[in-house]
Amino acid sequence: MKEYKQSFTKWQEQIQQELKKRPERKDTFQTSSNIPIERAYFPDKIDNAYIKSLGFPGEYPFTRGIRGTMYRGKHWTMRQYAGFGSAKETNERFRYLLDQGQTGLSVAFDLPTQIGYDSDDTMALGEVGKVGVAIDSLEDMEILFDKISLNQVSTSMTINAPAAVLLAMYIVVAEKQGVSKEQIRGTIQNDILKEYIARGTYIYPPKASMRLITDIFAYCSENVPSFNTISISGYHIREAGSTAVQELAFTLSNAVAYVESALEAGLDIDQFAPRLAFFFNGHNEFFEEVAKFRAARRMWAKLMKERFHAKNPKSWQLRFHTQVAGSTLTAQQPENNVVRVALQALAAVFGGTQSLHTNSKDEALSLPTEDSARIALRTQQIIAHETGVSDTVDPLGGSYYVESLTDELEAEAQKYMDHIDDMGGAVSAVEKQYMQREIHRAAYEAQKRLENEEDIVVGVNKFTVGDEQQPDLLKVDEAFVESQIERLNQIRKERDQEKVSDILEKLKKSAEGKENLMYPIIEAVKEYATVGEICHALRDVYGEY
């Protein structure tokens, strides 16, 4: 108790310092019955185990959150994922969502862009603009962010294999707006290991891909200090069918591989680690999800402090974005998805997420309409402003059930991580297909439970209705593809082709050597070299996986 009181006093003093920089939203917080709400709640009887495993909000091991005040100071970033068709159409959707109160952008790229093909490539046929926006050159990126000040918003980009190219375009667009590299904020997903494991949009072999990632780490630590250089993603691992334990274990194992790769490249741990970010799934099992987020923070803090000996407390903090689970949305009775999304989003908030995307009710059927996208955003706004759940830090902290689940998830995930370490790390485990097999096994077992009605999905295997009326769906007009290709051809005619060819040759030589690849990629982007041309230049050196 004496140790607790000393720690508590120290924590209160640090909170006062934090409040000077980041004031809380209100002077006092209270329920609708005028009952005061404390900043955080603590058990009456304290022992050393509590201090070591939970601690205070904003302090190591960050089980209870990375900030002492959490949402009392600022709500999470409401970052709705959007992108379809042309850059112009997506720009209109972005501006609509910003007008509706969204606080951050999140770009969905089409499949050709994600795997490094231009819109006129035969490999892109039938896929241009289908699951995201088509980006071929700097001109598309300029249109995408037209009338959006890049010093006013933070932007997340779900891009992996060509992440360096799209980041380069974003930097150049910002410069053209008069926004310096130091001012731009956002995240590139840039997590290639989970592509081999679960998602599939890889281009190059693992070692070449890791080289590109560490080059981005190094470039951004020197030039773009406020940009998150990777979003290490458990989301797609879970969407592929993993359990919560596997999502936690495989994501952190991948993170360890990125840290080790950066250290081998000569980077200092405290130089790049504070800009690492994570991306988790918000699934249906409410309390397990809350516990998963809390366990992730604690495990990462221990890894960074004890295994990698990081000194900067910011290196110990796991910051994460959450997207609710697309794989749980149903085409049957799609209105039910509004309820699923609300509960999944609530779990993410209870778990202490830094930003959140809420899926739209019609996403099992099509890209979301404006109306359904607005309802999805309103879901976050209602949670933030009407429920009171953001008025205290870690409101489920101390729950016997949640604390027990947090401990169990950590212990089970650690078993997986130890096994992966024994295999030589995440890259080796990926090459041996270990994580892929484990996810397939979990997905198969889940499907069996569904078909045997051991698990119930409302509207699918129980509580079904007869003929359902199809809701209004968004249809992307494919006529834009022709104009997209025409603009691309026009760019190739108008640019200095000799200069582009010289820069692409320079990029190949850099790839064969050890020069940081971000510099020639930025040069190529400025001369309107396309995504496909830059990626093909690297394919010539690295090959395809």
Protein backbone atom coordinates (compact mmCIF):
# COMPACT_ATOMS: atom_id res chain seq x y z
CA MET A 1 0.00 0.00 0.00
CA LYS A 2 2.87 2.35 0.75
CA GLU A 3 4.40 1.66 -2.68
CA TYR A 4 1.01 2.16 -4.28
CA LYS A 5 0.49 5.53 -2.58
CA GLN A 6 3.91 6.74 -3.68
CA SER A 7 3.26 5.60 -7.25
CA PHE A 8 -0.19 7.16 -7.19
CA THR A 9 1.18 10.53 -6.04
CA LYS A 10 3.81 10.45 -8.77
CA TRP A 11 1.15 9.58 -11.35
CA GLN A 12 -1.05 12.50 -10.26
CA GLU A 13 1.90 14.90 -10.61
CA GLN A 14 2.57 13.62 -14.15
CA ILE A 15 -1.11 14.02 -15.04
CA GLN A 16 -0.93 17.68 -14.03
CA GLN A 17 2.00 18.14 -16.42
CA GLU A 18 0.08 16.34 -19.18
CA LEU A 19 -2.98 18.57 -18.60
CA LYS A 20 -0.89 21.68 -19.29
CA LYS A 21 -0.16 20.34 -22.80
CA ARG A 22 -3.42 18.47 -23.43
CA PRO A 23 -6.38 19.90 -21.43
CA GLU A 24 -9.39 17.71 -20.84
CA ARG A 25 -12.56 18.36 -22.80
CA LYS A 26 -14.47 19.51 -19.70
CA ASP A 27 -13.66 20.76 -16.22
CA THR A 28 -15.85 18.10 -14.63
CA PHE A 29 -17.31 14.80 -15.80
CA GLN A 30 -20.50 13.31 -14.40
CA THR A 31 -23.30 10.88 -15.21
CA SER A 32 -26.83 11.95 -16.13
CA SER A 33 -27.63 11.51 -12.41
CA ASN A 34 -24.90 14.04 -11.52
CA ILE A 35 -22.61 11.38 -10.09
CA PRO A 36 -18.98 12.56 -10.53
CA ILE A 37 -16.87 10.42 -12.86
CA GLU A 38 -13.25 9.95 -11.81
CA ARG A 39 -10.41 9.99 -14.29
CA ALA A 40 -9.76 6.29 -13.66
CA TYR A 41 -10.80 3.71 -11.09
CA PHE A 42 -8.56 1.55 -8.90
CA PRO A 43 -9.10 -1.44 -6.61
CA ASP A 44 -9.39 -0.80 -2.87
CA LYS A 45 -6.68 -3.31 -2.02
CA ILE A 46 -3.46 -2.88 -3.94
CA ASP A 47 -0.52 -5.22 -4.24
CA ASN A 48 2.65 -5.30 -6.32
CA ALA A 49 1.04 -7.52 -8.95
CA TYR A 50 -1.44 -4.76 -9.74
CA ILE A 51 1.27 -2.14 -10.16
CA LYS A 52 3.43 -4.41 -12.33
CA SER A 53 0.74 -5.86 -14.59
CA LEU A 54 -1.67 -2.94 -14.86
CA GLY A 55 -0.09 0.24 -13.57
CA PHE A 56 -1.61 3.67 -14.11
CA PRO A 57 -3.07 4.96 -17.36
CA GLY A 58 -0.32 6.49 -19.48
CA GLU A 59 2.44 4.59 -17.69
CA TYR A 60 4.37 1.38 -18.35
CA PRO A 61 3.19 -1.26 -19.15
CA PHE A 62 0.28 0.79 -20.60
CA THR A 63 -2.32 -1.93 -20.01
CA ARG A 64 -4.81 0.80 -19.11
CA GLY A 65 -4.03 3.09 -22.05
CA ILE A 66 -1.16 5.09 -23.53
CA ARG A 67 -2.32 8.41 -22.05
CA GLY A 68 -3.23 9.34 -18.51
CA THR A 69 -6.36 11.19 -19.64
CA MET A 70 -7.23 9.25 -22.84
CA TYR A 71 -10.54 10.46 -24.33
CA ARG A 72 -11.14 13.04 -21.60
CA GLY A 73 -8.64 15.15 -23.53
CA LYS A 74 -9.46 14.24 -27.14
CA HIS A 75 -11.65 11.63 -28.74
CA TRP A 76 -10.13 9.01 -30.98
CA THR A 77 -9.66 9.97 -34.64
CA MET A 78 -12.75 9.07 -36.64
CA ARG A 79 -11.03 7.81 -39.75
CA GLN A 80 -13.50 6.34 -42.25
CA TYR A 81 -11.94 4.16 -44.98
CA ALA A 82 -13.05 5.24 -48.46
CA GLY A 83 -12.06 4.97 -52.10
CA PHE A 84 -13.63 3.85 -55.35
CA GLY A 85 -13.58 4.62 -59.04
CA SER A 86 -11.61 7.68 -60.05
CA ALA A 87 -9.57 10.07 -57.91
CA LYS A 88 -12.22 12.74 -58.56
CA GLU A 89 -15.08 10.55 -57.23
CA THR A 90 -13.08 9.58 -54.17
CA ASN A 91 -12.12 13.21 -53.51
CA GLU A 92 -15.84 14.04 -53.47
CA ARG A 93 -16.51 11.24 -50.94
CA PHE A 94 -13.60 12.44 -48.77
CA ARG A 95 -14.91 15.99 -48.70
CA TYR A 96 -18.43 14.74 -47.95
CA LEU A 97 -17.17 12.72 -44.97
CA LEU A 98 -15.07 15.64 -43.69
CA ASP A 99 -18.15 17.88 -43.92
CA GLN A 100 -20.05 15.27 -41.87
CA GLY A 101 -17.50 15.47 -39.04
CA GLN A 102 -14.92 12.83 -39.95
CA THR A 103 -11.56 13.78 -38.41
CA GLY A 104 -9.06 11.82 -40.53
CA LEU A 105 -8.81 10.32 -44.01
CA SER A 106 -8.23 6.67 -44.89
CA VAL A 107 -7.56 5.77 -48.53
CA ALA A 108 -8.67 2.53 -50.16
CA PHE A 109 -6.69 1.83 -53.33
CA ASP A 110 -7.90 -0.41 -56.13
CA LEU A 111 -6.35 -3.84 -56.64
CA PRO A 112 -4.09 -2.89 -59.59
CA THR A 113 -2.58 -0.04 -57.57
CA GLN A 114 -2.06 -2.35 -54.59
CA ILE A 115 -0.04 -4.81 -56.66
CA GLY A 116 1.83 -2.27 -58.76
CA TYR A 117 0.03 -2.22 -62.10
CA ASP A 118 -1.20 0.78 -64.09
CA SER A 119 -4.84 1.01 -65.17
CA ASP A 120 -3.97 0.16 -68.80
CA ASP A 121 -2.04 -3.01 -67.91
CA THR A 122 -3.66 -6.24 -69.11
CA MET A 123 -3.41 -7.50 -65.50
CA ALA A 124 -5.70 -4.64 -64.42
CA LEU A 125 -8.53 -5.54 -66.78
CA GLY A 126 -11.87 -5.58 -64.98
CA GLU A 127 -10.40 -4.43 -61.65
CA VAL A 128 -9.79 -0.69 -62.16
CA GLY A 129 -11.52 1.32 -59.43
CA LYS A 130 -13.45 -1.68 -58.13
CA VAL A 131 -12.31 -2.04 -54.50
CA GLY A 132 -10.65 1.34 -54.15
CA VAL A 133 -9.43 4.36 -56.06
CA ALA A 134 -7.24 4.00 -59.16
CA ILE A 135 -3.91 5.83 -58.75
CA ASP A 136 -1.52 5.69 -61.69
CA SER A 137 0.58 8.84 -61.40
CA LEU A 138 1.18 11.97 -59.36
CA GLU A 139 -1.67 13.64 -61.26
CA ASP A 140 -4.18 11.19 -59.75
CA MET A 141 -2.80 11.91 -56.27
CA GLU A 142 -3.13 15.65 -56.89
CA ILE A 143 -6.78 15.18 -57.86
CA LEU A 144 -7.40 12.87 -54.89
CA PHE A 145 -6.40 15.57 -52.39
CA ASP A 146 -7.71 18.59 -54.31
CA LYS A 147 -9.06 21.26 -51.89
CA ILE A 148 -7.96 19.15 -48.89
CA SER A 149 -5.16 20.82 -46.92
CA LEU A 150 -2.62 18.17 -46.00
CA ASN A 151 -1.41 20.21 -43.02
CA GLN A 152 -4.96 20.04 -41.59
CA VAL A 153 -5.75 16.30 -41.83
CA SER A 154 -3.91 13.09 -41.14
CA THR A 155 -4.17 10.44 -43.84
CA SER A 156 -3.94 6.68 -43.56
CA MET A 157 -3.18 4.72 -46.73
CA THR A 158 -3.88 1.00 -47.01
CA ILE A 159 -0.98 0.26 -49.30
CA ASN A 160 1.74 -2.32 -48.81
CA ALA A 161 4.00 -3.59 -51.60
CA PRO A 162 4.07 -0.18 -53.41
CA ALA A 163 3.94 1.79 -50.12
CA ALA A 164 7.14 3.69 -50.92
CA VAL A 165 5.65 4.91 -54.22
CA LEU A 166 2.37 6.14 -52.74
CA LEU A 167 4.15 7.76 -49.80
CA ALA A 168 6.43 9.55 -52.27
CA MET A 169 3.39 10.83 -54.14
CA TYR A 170 1.79 12.05 -50.91
CA ILE A 171 4.97 13.92 -49.93
CA VAL A 172 5.21 15.58 -53.35
CA VAL A 173 1.52 16.59 -53.34
CA ALA A 174 2.05 18.15 -49.90
CA GLU A 175 5.09 20.06 -51.16
CA LYS A 176 3.03 21.37 -54.09
CA GLN A 177 0.47 22.63 -51.56
CA GLY A 178 3.25 24.40 -49.67
CA VAL A 179 3.15 21.90 -46.80
CA SER A 180 6.56 20.81 -45.53
CA LYS A 181 7.54 17.21 -44.85
CA GLU A 182 7.67 18.03 -41.14
CA GLN A 183 3.99 19.06 -41.15
CA ILE A 184 2.37 16.05 -42.81
CA ARG A 185 0.77 13.43 -40.59
CA GLY A 186 -0.61 10.02 -41.32
CA THR A 187 0.19 6.34 -41.74
CA ILE A 188 1.09 3.96 -44.52
CA GLN A 189 0.16 0.35 -43.86
CA ASN A 190 3.46 -0.93 -45.32
CA ASP A 191 3.05 -4.32 -43.58
CA ILE A 192 4.15 -6.89 -46.12
CA LEU A 193 4.44 -9.93 -43.87
CA LYS A 194 0.69 -10.09 -43.25
CA GLU A 195 0.23 -9.93 -47.05
CA TYR A 196 2.05 -13.26 -47.39
CA ILE A 197 0.09 -14.62 -44.43
CA ALA A 198 -3.44 -13.45 -45.09
CA ARG A 199 -4.15 -10.80 -47.72
CA GLY A 200 -2.17 -11.50 -50.87
CA THR A 201 -1.17 -8.11 -52.30
CA TYR A 202 2.57 -8.73 -52.24
CA ILE A 203 4.92 -8.23 -55.20
CA TYR A 204 8.53 -8.95 -54.24
CA PRO A 205 10.16 -11.74 -52.21
CA PRO A 206 10.24 -11.22 -48.41
CA LYS A 207 13.84 -10.02 -48.10
CA ALA A 208 13.47 -7.40 -50.85
CA SER A 209 10.19 -6.28 -49.29
CA MET A 210 11.87 -5.89 -45.89
CA ARG A 211 14.56 -3.76 -47.54
CA LEU A 212 11.90 -1.36 -48.87
CA ILE A 213 10.29 -1.15 -45.44
CA THR A 214 13.50 -0.31 -43.58
CA ASP A 215 14.37 2.29 -46.25
CA ILE A 216 11.03 3.96 -45.49
CA PHE A 217 11.78 3.83 -41.74
CA ALA A 218 15.15 5.50 -42.28
CA TYR A 219 13.88 8.14 -44.71
CA CYS A 220 10.91 9.17 -42.57
CA SER A 221 12.86 9.30 -39.31
CA GLU A 222 15.09 11.92 -40.95
CA ASN A 223 12.60 13.76 -43.16
CA VAL A 224 8.97 13.07 -42.22
CA PRO A 225 9.07 12.85 -38.41
CA SER A 226 5.31 12.97 -37.76
CA PHE A 227 4.37 10.22 -40.22
CA ASN A 228 3.77 6.66 -39.00
CA THR A 229 6.01 4.52 -41.16
CA ILE A 230 4.09 1.26 -40.79
CA SER A 231 0.74 0.02 -39.53
CA ILE A 232 1.44 -3.52 -38.40
CA SER A 233 -1.81 -5.20 -39.15
CA GLY A 234 -3.66 -7.91 -37.32
CA TYR A 235 -6.87 -6.85 -39.03
CA HIS A 236 -6.42 -8.94 -42.16
CA ILE A 237 -5.09 -11.89 -40.18
CA ARG A 238 -8.40 -11.90 -38.29
CA GLU A 239 -10.43 -11.36 -41.48
CA ALA A 240 -8.75 -14.47 -42.91
CA GLY A 241 -10.19 -16.50 -40.04
CA SER A 242 -7.71 -16.36 -37.16
CA THR A 243 -8.67 -16.37 -33.51
CA ALA A 244 -8.10 -13.34 -31.27
CA VAL A 245 -5.03 -15.07 -29.78
CA GLN A 246 -3.56 -15.70 -33.24
CA GLU A 247 -4.27 -12.13 -34.34
CA LEU A 248 -2.40 -10.85 -31.30
CA ALA A 249 0.53 -13.29 -31.54
CA PHE A 250 1.12 -13.12 -35.30
CA THR A 251 0.85 -9.32 -35.40
CA LEU A 252 3.40 -8.86 -32.61
CA SER A 253 5.69 -11.50 -34.12
CA ASN A 254 5.62 -9.60 -37.41
CA ALA A 255 6.38 -6.40 -35.50
CA VAL A 256 9.42 -8.07 -33.92
CA ALA A 257 10.66 -8.99 -37.41
CA TYR A 258 10.36 -5.37 -38.59
CA VAL A 259 12.22 -4.10 -35.53
CA GLU A 260 15.00 -6.66 -36.00
CA SER A 261 15.28 -5.81 -39.71
CA ALA A 262 15.60 -2.10 -38.92
CA LEU A 263 18.23 -2.78 -36.26
CA GLU A 264 20.21 -4.93 -38.72
CA ALA A 265 20.08 -2.00 -41.16
CA GLY A 266 21.81 0.13 -38.52
CA LEU A 267 18.84 2.18 -37.28
CA ASP A 268 18.58 3.17 -33.63
CA ILE A 269 15.58 1.64 -31.83
CA ASP A 270 14.43 4.95 -30.35
CA GLN A 271 14.83 6.64 -33.74
CA PHE A 272 12.11 4.62 -35.49
CA ALA A 273 10.08 2.78 -32.83
CA PRO A 274 7.95 5.78 -31.74
CA ARG A 275 6.51 5.93 -35.29
CA LEU A 276 5.45 2.28 -35.43
CA ALA A 277 1.68 1.89 -35.34
CA PHE A 278 -0.69 -1.08 -35.24
CA PHE A 279 -4.02 -1.97 -36.84
CA PHE A 280 -6.39 -4.40 -35.14
CA ASN A 281 -9.76 -5.95 -35.86
CA GLY A 282 -12.81 -5.15 -33.75
CA HIS A 283 -14.68 -8.47 -33.69
CA ASN A 284 -17.88 -9.76 -32.14
CA GLU A 285 -16.72 -11.29 -28.84
CA PHE A 286 -17.07 -8.08 -26.86
CA PHE A 287 -15.08 -8.69 -23.69
CA GLU A 288 -12.41 -10.74 -25.46
CA GLU A 289 -11.83 -7.84 -27.85
CA VAL A 290 -11.42 -5.35 -24.99
CA ALA A 291 -8.97 -7.71 -23.31
CA LYS A 292 -7.08 -8.25 -26.58
CA PHE A 293 -6.34 -4.54 -26.98
CA ARG A 294 -5.18 -4.25 -23.36
CA ALA A 295 -2.98 -7.37 -23.64
CA ALA A 296 -1.44 -6.05 -26.88
CA ARG A 297 -0.32 -2.83 -25.18
CA ARG A 298 1.23 -4.69 -22.26
CA MET A 299 3.00 -7.26 -24.44
CA TRP A 300 4.44 -4.59 -26.75
CA ALA A 301 5.67 -2.50 -23.83
CA LYS A 302 7.50 -5.51 -22.39
CA LEU A 303 8.98 -6.45 -25.78
CA MET A 304 10.32 -2.98 -26.43
CA LYS A 305 11.66 -2.37 -22.95
CA GLU A 306 12.95 -5.82 -21.98
CA ARG A 307 13.85 -7.47 -25.31
CA PHE A 308 14.96 -4.49 -27.40
CA HIS A 309 16.07 -2.22 -24.52
CA ALA A 310 14.38 0.89 -25.92
CA LYS A 311 14.92 3.85 -23.61
CA ASN A 312 12.28 6.29 -24.89
CA PRO A 313 8.86 5.61 -23.25
CA LYS A 314 7.22 6.50 -26.59
CA SER A 315 8.96 3.43 -28.03
CA TRP A 316 7.12 1.31 -25.46
CA GLN A 317 3.67 2.63 -26.38
CA LEU A 318 1.50 0.56 -28.70
CA ARG A 319 -0.69 2.98 -30.68
CA PHE A 320 -3.36 1.38 -32.82
CA HIS A 321 -6.18 1.93 -35.27
CA THR A 322 -9.23 -0.32 -35.19
CA GLN A 323 -11.59 -1.29 -37.99
CA VAL A 324 -14.65 -3.28 -37.08
CA ALA A 325 -14.87 -6.75 -38.59
CA GLY A 326 -15.92 -6.82 -42.23
CA SER A 327 -16.02 -10.61 -42.14
CA THR A 328 -18.87 -10.52 -39.59
CA LEU A 329 -21.15 -8.42 -41.82
CA THR A 330 -23.96 -10.31 -43.50
CA ALA A 331 -25.68 -9.87 -46.84
CA GLN A 332 -28.81 -11.24 -45.16
CA GLN A 333 -30.78 -8.63 -43.16
CA PRO A 334 -28.05 -5.98 -43.67
CA GLU A 335 -29.72 -3.62 -41.18
CA ASN A 336 -28.48 -5.97 -38.45
CA ASN A 337 -24.95 -4.90 -39.36
CA VAL A 338 -25.60 -1.47 -37.81
CA VAL A 339 -25.95 -3.18 -34.43
CA ARG A 340 -22.89 -5.38 -34.95
CA VAL A 341 -20.78 -2.37 -35.92
CA ALA A 342 -21.93 -0.34 -32.90
CA LEU A 343 -20.97 -3.09 -30.44
CA GLN A 344 -17.64 -3.78 -32.14
CA ALA A 345 -16.83 -0.06 -32.14
CA LEU A 346 -17.76 0.19 -28.47
CA ALA A 347 -15.32 -2.63 -27.64
CA ALA A 348 -12.56 -0.74 -29.48
CA VAL A 349 -13.28 2.39 -27.45
CA PHE A 350 -13.30 0.42 -24.19
CA GLY A 351 -9.99 -1.06 -25.36
CA GLY A 352 -8.41 2.38 -25.85
CA THR A 353 -8.04 2.70 -29.64
CA GLN A 354 -6.37 5.81 -31.11
CA SER A 355 -8.47 5.85 -34.27
CA LEU A 356 -11.48 3.96 -35.56
CA HIS A 357 -13.25 3.01 -38.78
CA THR A 358 -16.85 1.81 -38.57
CA ASN A 359 -18.03 -0.32 -41.50
CA SER A 360 -21.21 0.47 -43.38
CA LYS A 361 -24.24 -1.80 -43.24
CA ASP A 362 -24.18 -2.64 -46.97
CA GLU A 363 -20.53 -3.66 -47.30
CA ALA A 364 -21.38 -7.36 -47.62
CA LEU A 365 -23.22 -6.40 -50.81
CA SER A 366 -21.33 -3.50 -52.39
CA LEU A 367 -19.24 -0.43 -51.75
CA PRO A 368 -21.13 1.75 -49.25
CA THR A 369 -23.63 4.36 -50.34
CA GLU A 370 -23.36 7.89 -48.93
CA ASP A 371 -26.29 7.22 -46.59
CA SER A 372 -24.79 4.06 -45.11
CA ALA A 373 -21.36 5.68 -44.82
CA ARG A 374 -22.97 8.53 -42.88
CA ILE A 375 -24.73 6.11 -40.50
CA ALA A 376 -21.39 4.37 -39.90
CA LEU A 377 -19.76 7.69 -39.01
CA ARG A 378 -22.74 8.72 -36.85
CA THR A 379 -22.26 5.47 -34.89
CA GLN A 380 -18.85 6.69 -33.74
CA GLN A 381 -20.16 10.17 -33.00
CA ILE A 382 -22.99 8.79 -30.85
CA ILE A 383 -20.54 6.63 -28.89
CA ALA A 384 -18.26 9.64 -28.40
CA HIS A 385 -20.83 12.27 -27.50
CA GLU A 386 -23.92 10.53 -26.11
CA THR A 387 -22.92 7.45 -24.12
CA GLY A 388 -20.42 8.83 -21.61
CA VAL A 389 -18.03 5.90 -22.15
CA SER A 390 -15.18 8.28 -23.01
CA ASP A 391 -15.43 10.20 -19.75
CA THR A 392 -13.21 7.85 -17.73
CA VAL A 393 -10.05 5.97 -18.60
CA ASP A 394 -10.19 2.18 -19.06
CA PRO A 395 -13.73 1.84 -17.65
CA LEU A 396 -13.56 -1.97 -17.59
CA GLY A 397 -10.22 -1.99 -15.75
CA GLY A 398 -10.53 -4.03 -12.59
CA SER A 399 -13.32 -6.21 -13.90
CA TYR A 400 -12.50 -9.73 -12.72
CA TYR A 401 -13.56 -11.10 -16.10
CA VAL A 402 -11.68 -8.57 -18.25
CA GLU A 403 -8.49 -8.77 -16.18
CA SER A 404 -8.57 -12.57 -16.31
CA LEU A 405 -9.14 -12.53 -20.08
CA THR A 406 -6.31 -10.02 -20.53
CA ASP A 407 -3.92 -12.32 -18.67
CA GLU A 408 -5.08 -15.43 -20.55
CA LEU A 409 -4.84 -13.81 -23.98
CA GLU A 410 -1.32 -12.64 -23.19
CA ALA A 411 -0.25 -16.09 -21.99
CA GLU A 412 -1.70 -17.94 -25.01
CA ALA A 413 -0.32 -15.41 -27.50
CA GLN A 414 3.10 -15.68 -25.87
CA LYS A 415 3.13 -19.44 -26.52
CA TYR A 416 2.66 -18.79 -30.23
CA MET A 417 5.33 -16.10 -30.23
CA ASP A 418 7.83 -18.35 -28.47
CA HIS A 419 7.20 -21.06 -31.08
CA ILE A 420 7.70 -18.57 -33.92
CA ASP A 421 10.95 -17.40 -32.32
CA ASP A 422 12.09 -21.03 -32.19
CA MET A 423 11.37 -21.29 -35.94
CA GLY A 424 13.73 -18.38 -36.62
CA GLY A 425 11.22 -15.53 -36.50
CA ALA A 426 8.23 -14.33 -38.49
CA VAL A 427 9.91 -14.24 -41.92
CA SER A 428 10.97 -17.86 -41.55
CA ALA A 429 7.51 -18.82 -40.24
CA VAL A 430 5.90 -17.13 -43.26
CA GLU A 431 8.20 -18.95 -45.68
CA LYS A 432 7.37 -22.25 -43.95
CA GLN A 433 3.61 -21.44 -44.20
CA TYR A 434 3.23 -21.95 -40.44
CA MET A 435 0.98 -18.96 -39.69
CA GLN A 436 -1.04 -19.53 -42.84
CA ARG A 437 -1.82 -23.12 -41.79
CA GLU A 438 -2.80 -22.08 -38.27
CA ILE A 439 -5.22 -19.46 -39.62
CA HIS A 440 -6.73 -21.93 -42.11
CA ARG A 441 -7.29 -24.43 -39.30
CA ALA A 442 -9.00 -21.83 -37.13
CA ALA A 443 -11.19 -20.64 -40.02
CA TYR A 444 -12.22 -24.21 -40.83
CA GLU A 445 -13.19 -24.90 -37.22
CA ALA A 446 -15.23 -21.68 -37.08
CA GLN A 447 -17.07 -22.59 -40.27
CA LYS A 448 -17.91 -26.04 -38.91
CA ARG A 449 -19.35 -24.49 -35.72
CA LEU A 450 -21.47 -22.17 -37.86
CA GLU A 451 -22.81 -24.97 -40.04
CA ASN A 452 -23.53 -27.16 -37.00
CA GLU A 453 -25.33 -24.20 -35.36
CA GLU A 454 -22.98 -24.33 -32.39
CA ASP A 455 -22.38 -20.64 -33.20
CA ILE A 456 -25.34 -18.48 -34.16
CA VAL A 457 -25.21 -15.67 -36.71
CA VAL A 458 -28.50 -13.83 -36.58
CA GLY A 459 -30.23 -13.83 -39.96
CA VAL A 460 -27.90 -16.46 -41.44
CA ASN A 461 -28.28 -19.77 -39.59
CA LYS A 462 -31.06 -18.66 -37.21
CA PHE A 463 -33.78 -16.01 -37.07
CA THR A 464 -33.96 -15.88 -40.85
CA VAL A 465 -36.75 -14.32 -42.90
CA GLY A 466 -38.21 -15.26 -46.28
CA ASP A 467 -37.73 -13.15 -49.36
CA GLU A 468 -35.62 -10.11 -48.53
CA GLN A 469 -35.88 -6.85 -50.40
CA GLN A 470 -32.56 -5.77 -51.90
CA PRO A 471 -31.51 -2.35 -50.58
CA ASP A 472 -30.28 0.42 -52.86
CA LEU A 473 -26.62 -0.25 -53.65
CA LEU A 474 -23.78 1.88 -54.92
CA LYS A 475 -22.81 1.10 -58.50
CA VAL A 476 -19.52 2.45 -59.84
CA ASP A 477 -19.86 3.72 -63.41
CA GLU A 478 -17.15 1.86 -65.31
CA ALA A 479 -17.16 4.52 -68.04
CA PHE A 480 -14.46 6.31 -66.04
CA VAL A 481 -11.94 3.56 -66.91
CA GLU A 482 -11.65 4.76 -70.49
CA SER A 483 -11.00 8.36 -69.41
CA GLN A 484 -8.54 7.12 -66.74
CA ILE A 485 -6.50 5.34 -69.43
CA GLU A 486 -6.74 8.34 -71.77
CA ARG A 487 -5.34 10.65 -69.07
CA LEU A 488 -2.57 8.15 -68.35
CA ASN A 489 -1.57 8.08 -72.03
CA GLN A 490 -1.65 11.88 -72.14
CA ILE A 491 0.71 12.08 -69.16
CA ARG A 492 3.16 9.76 -70.90
CA LYS A 493 3.08 11.97 -74.01
CA GLU A 494 3.59 15.25 -72.15
CA ARG A 495 6.32 14.29 -69.67
CA ASP A 496 10.07 14.21 -70.36
CA GLN A 497 10.35 10.54 -71.29
CA GLU A 498 14.14 10.56 -71.47
CA LYS A 499 14.36 11.90 -67.93
CA VAL A 500 11.85 9.31 -66.69
CA SER A 501 13.85 6.48 -68.32
CA ASP A 502 17.09 7.75 -66.75
CA ILE A 503 15.54 7.93 -63.28
CA LEU A 504 14.08 4.42 -63.57
CA GLU A 505 17.53 3.11 -64.51
CA LYS A 506 18.94 4.96 -61.50
CA LEU A 507 16.29 3.29 -59.32
CA LYS A 508 17.34 -0.15 -60.59
CA LYS A 509 20.99 0.53 -59.77
CA SER A 510 20.02 1.76 -56.31
CA ALA A 511 18.01 -1.42 -55.77
CA GLU A 512 21.04 -3.50 -56.73
CA GLY A 513 23.14 -1.50 -54.25
CA LYS A 514 22.48 -0.11 -50.78
CA GLU A 515 21.23 3.43 -51.40
CA ASN A 516 17.95 4.35 -49.70
CA LEU A 517 15.31 3.75 -52.39
CA MET A 518 12.99 6.53 -51.24
CA TYR A 519 15.19 9.18 -52.86
CA PRO A 520 15.09 7.85 -56.46
CA ILE A 521 11.41 6.92 -56.05
CA ILE A 522 10.57 10.53 -55.11
CA GLU A 523 12.58 11.74 -58.11
CA ALA A 524 10.63 9.37 -60.38
CA VAL A 525 7.28 10.47 -58.96
CA LYS A 526 8.10 14.15 -59.54
CA GLU A 527 8.66 13.39 -63.23
CA TYR A 528 5.27 11.60 -63.41
CA ALA A 529 6.64 8.09 -63.65
CA THR A 530 3.70 5.79 -62.95
CA VAL A 531 3.10 3.31 -60.15
CA GLY A 532 3.41 0.45 -62.64
CA GLU A 533 6.65 1.73 -64.17
CA ILE A 534 8.32 2.18 -60.79
CA CYS A 535 7.16 -1.22 -59.53
CA HIS A 536 8.23 -2.91 -62.78
CA ALA A 537 11.70 -1.37 -62.42
CA LEU A 538 11.96 -3.01 -59.01
CA ARG A 539 10.51 -6.26 -60.38
CA ASP A 540 13.39 -6.31 -62.87
CA VAL A 541 15.82 -6.38 -59.94
CA TYR A 542 13.97 -8.39 -57.28
CA GLY A 543 11.60 -10.56 -59.31
CA GLU A 544 8.13 -11.53 -58.11
CA TYR A 545 7.18 -13.77 -55.20
